[in-house]
N, C-alpha and C. Protein backbone atom coordinates (compact mmCIF):
# COMPACT_ATOMS: atom_id res chain seq x y z
N MET A 1 13.05 11.33 -9.37
CA MET A 1 11.85 10.39 -10.07
C MET A 1 11.90 11.06 -11.47
N SER A 2 11.57 10.01 -12.55
CA SER A 2 11.38 10.42 -13.97
C SER A 2 10.04 11.15 -14.07
N SER A 3 10.30 12.02 -15.05
CA SER A 3 8.70 12.44 -15.48
C SER A 3 7.91 11.71 -16.53
N ASP A 4 8.73 10.86 -16.93
CA ASP A 4 7.59 9.90 -17.80
C ASP A 4 6.58 9.09 -16.71
N LEU A 5 5.48 9.18 -17.27
CA LEU A 5 4.15 8.90 -16.70
C LEU A 5 3.90 7.46 -17.38
N VAL A 6 3.67 6.25 -16.91
CA VAL A 6 3.10 5.08 -17.44
C VAL A 6 1.85 4.94 -16.82
N TRP A 7 0.67 5.07 -17.76
CA TRP A 7 -0.66 4.64 -17.33
C TRP A 7 -1.10 3.28 -17.38
N PHE A 8 -1.92 2.83 -16.55
CA PHE A 8 -2.38 1.39 -16.42
C PHE A 8 -3.81 1.48 -16.19
N LYS A 9 -4.64 0.86 -17.13
CA LYS A 9 -5.83 1.09 -17.18
C LYS A 9 -6.45 -0.05 -15.95
N SER A 10 -7.54 0.09 -15.36
CA SER A 10 -8.12 -0.95 -14.61
C SER A 10 -8.45 -2.08 -15.18
N SER A 11 -8.16 -3.25 -14.49
CA SER A 11 -8.57 -4.66 -15.15
C SER A 11 -10.18 -4.72 -15.02
N TYR A 12 -10.97 -3.95 -14.39
CA TYR A 12 -12.29 -4.17 -14.28
C TYR A 12 -13.02 -3.30 -15.69
N SER A 13 -12.13 -2.44 -16.39
CA SER A 13 -12.77 -1.84 -17.52
C SER A 13 -13.08 -2.79 -18.54
N GLY A 14 -13.98 -2.73 -19.21
CA GLY A 14 -14.62 -3.19 -20.27
C GLY A 14 -13.95 -2.72 -21.45
N ASN A 15 -14.29 -3.22 -22.81
CA ASN A 15 -14.07 -2.58 -23.96
C ASN A 15 -14.90 -1.75 -24.33
N GLU A 16 -16.01 -1.70 -23.74
CA GLU A 16 -17.17 -0.74 -24.12
C GLU A 16 -17.25 0.68 -23.77
N GLY A 17 -15.89 1.09 -22.89
CA GLY A 17 -15.77 2.29 -22.49
C GLY A 17 -16.21 2.25 -20.94
N GLY A 18 -17.05 3.07 -20.56
CA GLY A 18 -17.67 3.33 -19.37
C GLY A 18 -16.60 3.85 -18.19
N GLU A 19 -17.05 3.63 -17.06
CA GLU A 19 -16.11 4.28 -15.90
C GLU A 19 -14.92 3.35 -15.68
N CYS A 20 -13.71 4.10 -15.89
CA CYS A 20 -12.45 3.39 -15.55
C CYS A 20 -11.71 4.13 -14.68
N VAL A 21 -10.65 3.49 -14.00
CA VAL A 21 -9.64 4.05 -13.35
C VAL A 21 -8.09 3.76 -13.75
N GLU A 22 -7.63 5.10 -13.87
CA GLU A 22 -6.20 4.69 -14.30
C GLU A 22 -5.33 5.55 -13.32
N ILE A 23 -4.19 4.68 -13.33
CA ILE A 23 -3.18 5.52 -12.37
C ILE A 23 -1.72 5.66 -13.09
N ALA A 24 -0.93 6.49 -13.01
CA ALA A 24 0.38 6.76 -13.50
C ALA A 24 1.44 6.54 -12.67
N TRP A 25 2.22 5.61 -12.60
CA TRP A 25 3.46 5.29 -12.06
C TRP A 25 4.52 5.86 -12.69
N ARG A 26 5.37 6.39 -11.85
CA ARG A 26 6.76 7.09 -12.25
C ARG A 26 7.90 6.24 -11.76
N LYS A 27 8.52 5.87 -12.55
CA LYS A 27 10.04 5.15 -12.20
C LYS A 27 10.97 6.01 -11.65
N SER A 28 11.70 5.57 -10.74
CA SER A 28 12.82 6.52 -10.00
C SER A 28 13.79 6.69 -11.34
N SER A 29 14.35 8.00 -11.11
CA SER A 29 15.51 8.25 -12.15
C SER A 29 16.76 7.55 -11.90
N HIS A 30 16.81 7.15 -10.71
CA HIS A 30 18.04 6.17 -10.18
C HIS A 30 18.16 4.78 -10.66
N SER A 31 17.10 4.54 -11.25
CA SER A 31 16.76 3.19 -11.52
C SER A 31 17.86 2.61 -12.83
N GLY A 32 17.98 3.40 -13.84
CA GLY A 32 18.87 2.92 -15.04
C GLY A 32 18.28 1.90 -15.87
N ASP A 33 18.87 1.39 -16.56
CA ASP A 33 18.47 0.38 -17.49
C ASP A 33 18.89 -1.09 -16.97
N GLU A 34 19.67 -1.16 -16.03
CA GLU A 34 20.49 -2.27 -15.57
C GLU A 34 19.43 -3.05 -14.63
N GLY A 35 18.25 -2.61 -14.31
CA GLY A 35 17.15 -3.18 -13.56
C GLY A 35 17.41 -3.05 -12.06
N GLY A 36 18.52 -2.98 -11.49
CA GLY A 36 18.73 -2.80 -9.94
C GLY A 36 17.67 -2.76 -8.94
N ASN A 37 17.79 -2.00 -7.98
CA ASN A 37 16.83 -1.92 -6.99
C ASN A 37 16.00 -0.56 -7.28
N CYS A 38 14.65 -1.01 -7.79
CA CYS A 38 14.03 0.31 -8.26
C CYS A 38 12.61 0.44 -7.59
N VAL A 39 12.06 1.64 -7.56
CA VAL A 39 10.73 1.87 -7.04
C VAL A 39 10.09 2.71 -8.06
N GLU A 40 8.84 2.61 -8.00
CA GLU A 40 7.91 3.41 -8.76
C GLU A 40 6.84 4.13 -7.91
N VAL A 41 6.41 5.31 -8.24
CA VAL A 41 5.61 6.11 -7.19
C VAL A 41 4.43 6.43 -8.23
N ALA A 42 3.15 6.53 -7.71
CA ALA A 42 1.98 6.91 -8.18
C ALA A 42 1.39 7.93 -7.18
N GLU A 43 1.05 9.13 -7.70
CA GLU A 43 0.64 10.23 -6.61
C GLU A 43 -1.17 10.29 -6.94
N THR A 44 -1.89 10.35 -6.21
CA THR A 44 -3.20 10.56 -6.36
C THR A 44 -3.53 12.05 -5.76
N THR A 45 -4.59 12.44 -5.13
CA THR A 45 -4.94 13.74 -4.39
C THR A 45 -5.15 13.15 -3.08
N SER A 46 -5.27 12.06 -2.66
CA SER A 46 -5.35 11.72 -1.33
C SER A 46 -4.25 10.65 -0.80
N ALA A 47 -3.42 10.01 -1.81
CA ALA A 47 -2.20 9.11 -1.38
C ALA A 47 -1.18 8.85 -2.34
N VAL A 48 0.04 8.57 -1.88
CA VAL A 48 1.02 8.40 -2.72
C VAL A 48 1.38 6.89 -2.54
N LEU A 49 1.51 6.43 -3.59
CA LEU A 49 1.70 4.75 -3.78
C LEU A 49 3.15 4.47 -4.08
N VAL A 50 3.88 3.59 -3.27
CA VAL A 50 5.04 3.17 -3.99
C VAL A 50 5.32 1.59 -4.05
N ARG A 51 5.78 1.10 -5.20
CA ARG A 51 6.01 -0.18 -5.13
C ARG A 51 7.24 -0.52 -5.89
N ASP A 52 7.38 -1.76 -5.89
CA ASP A 52 8.67 -2.36 -6.67
C ASP A 52 8.69 -2.60 -8.01
N SER A 53 9.47 -1.62 -8.66
CA SER A 53 9.10 -1.76 -10.14
C SER A 53 9.20 -3.20 -10.82
N LYS A 54 10.11 -4.03 -10.28
CA LYS A 54 10.41 -5.43 -10.71
C LYS A 54 9.12 -6.38 -10.49
N ASP A 55 8.15 -6.03 -9.71
CA ASP A 55 7.19 -7.02 -9.27
C ASP A 55 5.94 -6.17 -9.23
N LYS A 56 5.52 -5.44 -10.43
CA LYS A 56 4.46 -4.43 -10.50
C LYS A 56 3.07 -5.15 -9.72
N SER A 57 2.87 -6.57 -9.82
CA SER A 57 1.51 -6.89 -9.48
C SER A 57 1.64 -7.24 -7.89
N GLY A 58 3.01 -6.89 -7.16
CA GLY A 58 3.07 -7.33 -6.07
C GLY A 58 2.48 -6.21 -5.01
N PRO A 59 2.91 -6.20 -3.64
CA PRO A 59 2.38 -5.49 -3.00
C PRO A 59 2.99 -3.95 -2.97
N HIS A 60 2.25 -3.08 -2.39
CA HIS A 60 2.57 -1.58 -2.29
C HIS A 60 2.55 -0.95 -1.28
N LEU A 61 3.36 -0.04 -1.02
CA LEU A 61 3.02 0.89 0.37
C LEU A 61 2.13 2.15 0.17
N THR A 62 1.43 2.39 0.81
CA THR A 62 0.58 3.98 0.78
C THR A 62 0.91 4.89 1.81
N PHE A 63 1.18 5.91 1.35
CA PHE A 63 1.52 7.33 2.22
C PHE A 63 0.31 8.36 1.90
N THR A 64 0.22 8.86 2.99
CA THR A 64 -0.52 10.25 2.76
C THR A 64 0.22 11.14 2.08
N PRO A 65 0.00 12.24 1.65
CA PRO A 65 0.85 13.22 0.85
C PRO A 65 1.57 13.81 1.95
N ASP A 66 1.50 14.01 3.02
CA ASP A 66 2.17 15.07 4.00
C ASP A 66 3.26 13.72 4.50
N ALA A 67 2.75 12.80 4.57
CA ALA A 67 3.88 11.69 5.22
C ALA A 67 5.00 11.59 4.13
N TRP A 68 4.55 11.39 2.97
CA TRP A 68 5.60 11.16 1.72
C TRP A 68 6.32 12.49 1.79
N GLN A 69 6.04 13.55 2.04
CA GLN A 69 7.04 14.90 1.67
C GLN A 69 7.86 14.75 3.09
N SER A 70 7.17 14.33 4.01
CA SER A 70 8.20 14.06 5.23
C SER A 70 9.37 13.27 4.99
N PHE A 71 8.97 11.89 4.55
CA PHE A 71 9.80 11.04 4.07
C PHE A 71 11.09 11.44 3.12
N LEU A 72 10.59 12.13 1.79
CA LEU A 72 11.48 12.61 1.04
C LEU A 72 12.38 13.85 1.51
N ALA A 73 11.81 14.52 2.48
CA ALA A 73 12.73 15.58 3.21
C ALA A 73 13.79 14.96 4.16
N PHE A 74 13.29 13.87 4.56
CA PHE A 74 14.34 13.13 5.60
C PHE A 74 15.58 12.45 4.63
N ALA A 75 14.97 11.82 3.52
CA ALA A 75 15.73 10.93 2.91
C ALA A 75 16.95 12.09 2.15
N GLN A 76 16.19 13.11 1.68
CA GLN A 76 17.26 14.20 1.07
C GLN A 76 18.37 14.68 1.99
N SER A 77 17.99 14.88 3.37
CA SER A 77 18.84 15.40 4.39
C SER A 77 19.87 14.18 4.67
N ALA A 78 19.70 12.93 4.29
CA ALA A 78 20.55 12.00 4.74
C ALA A 78 21.78 11.96 4.10
């Protein structure tokens, strides 16, 4: 994964400030500039979110941090 974070402000946030929610998505370092099959990951304290970088408003997968670590360990061993 790339270390570059991209922050997105909640669409429910007004221009007056107030309480906002932001999340940082990291694009896979294997994505390259050609566009290929890419994923982005956002980590929170209670969940890891995964989405298609070409369809940012589309569906996403949600993992617990433990499940995500298990998946990464399995993927790296394959």
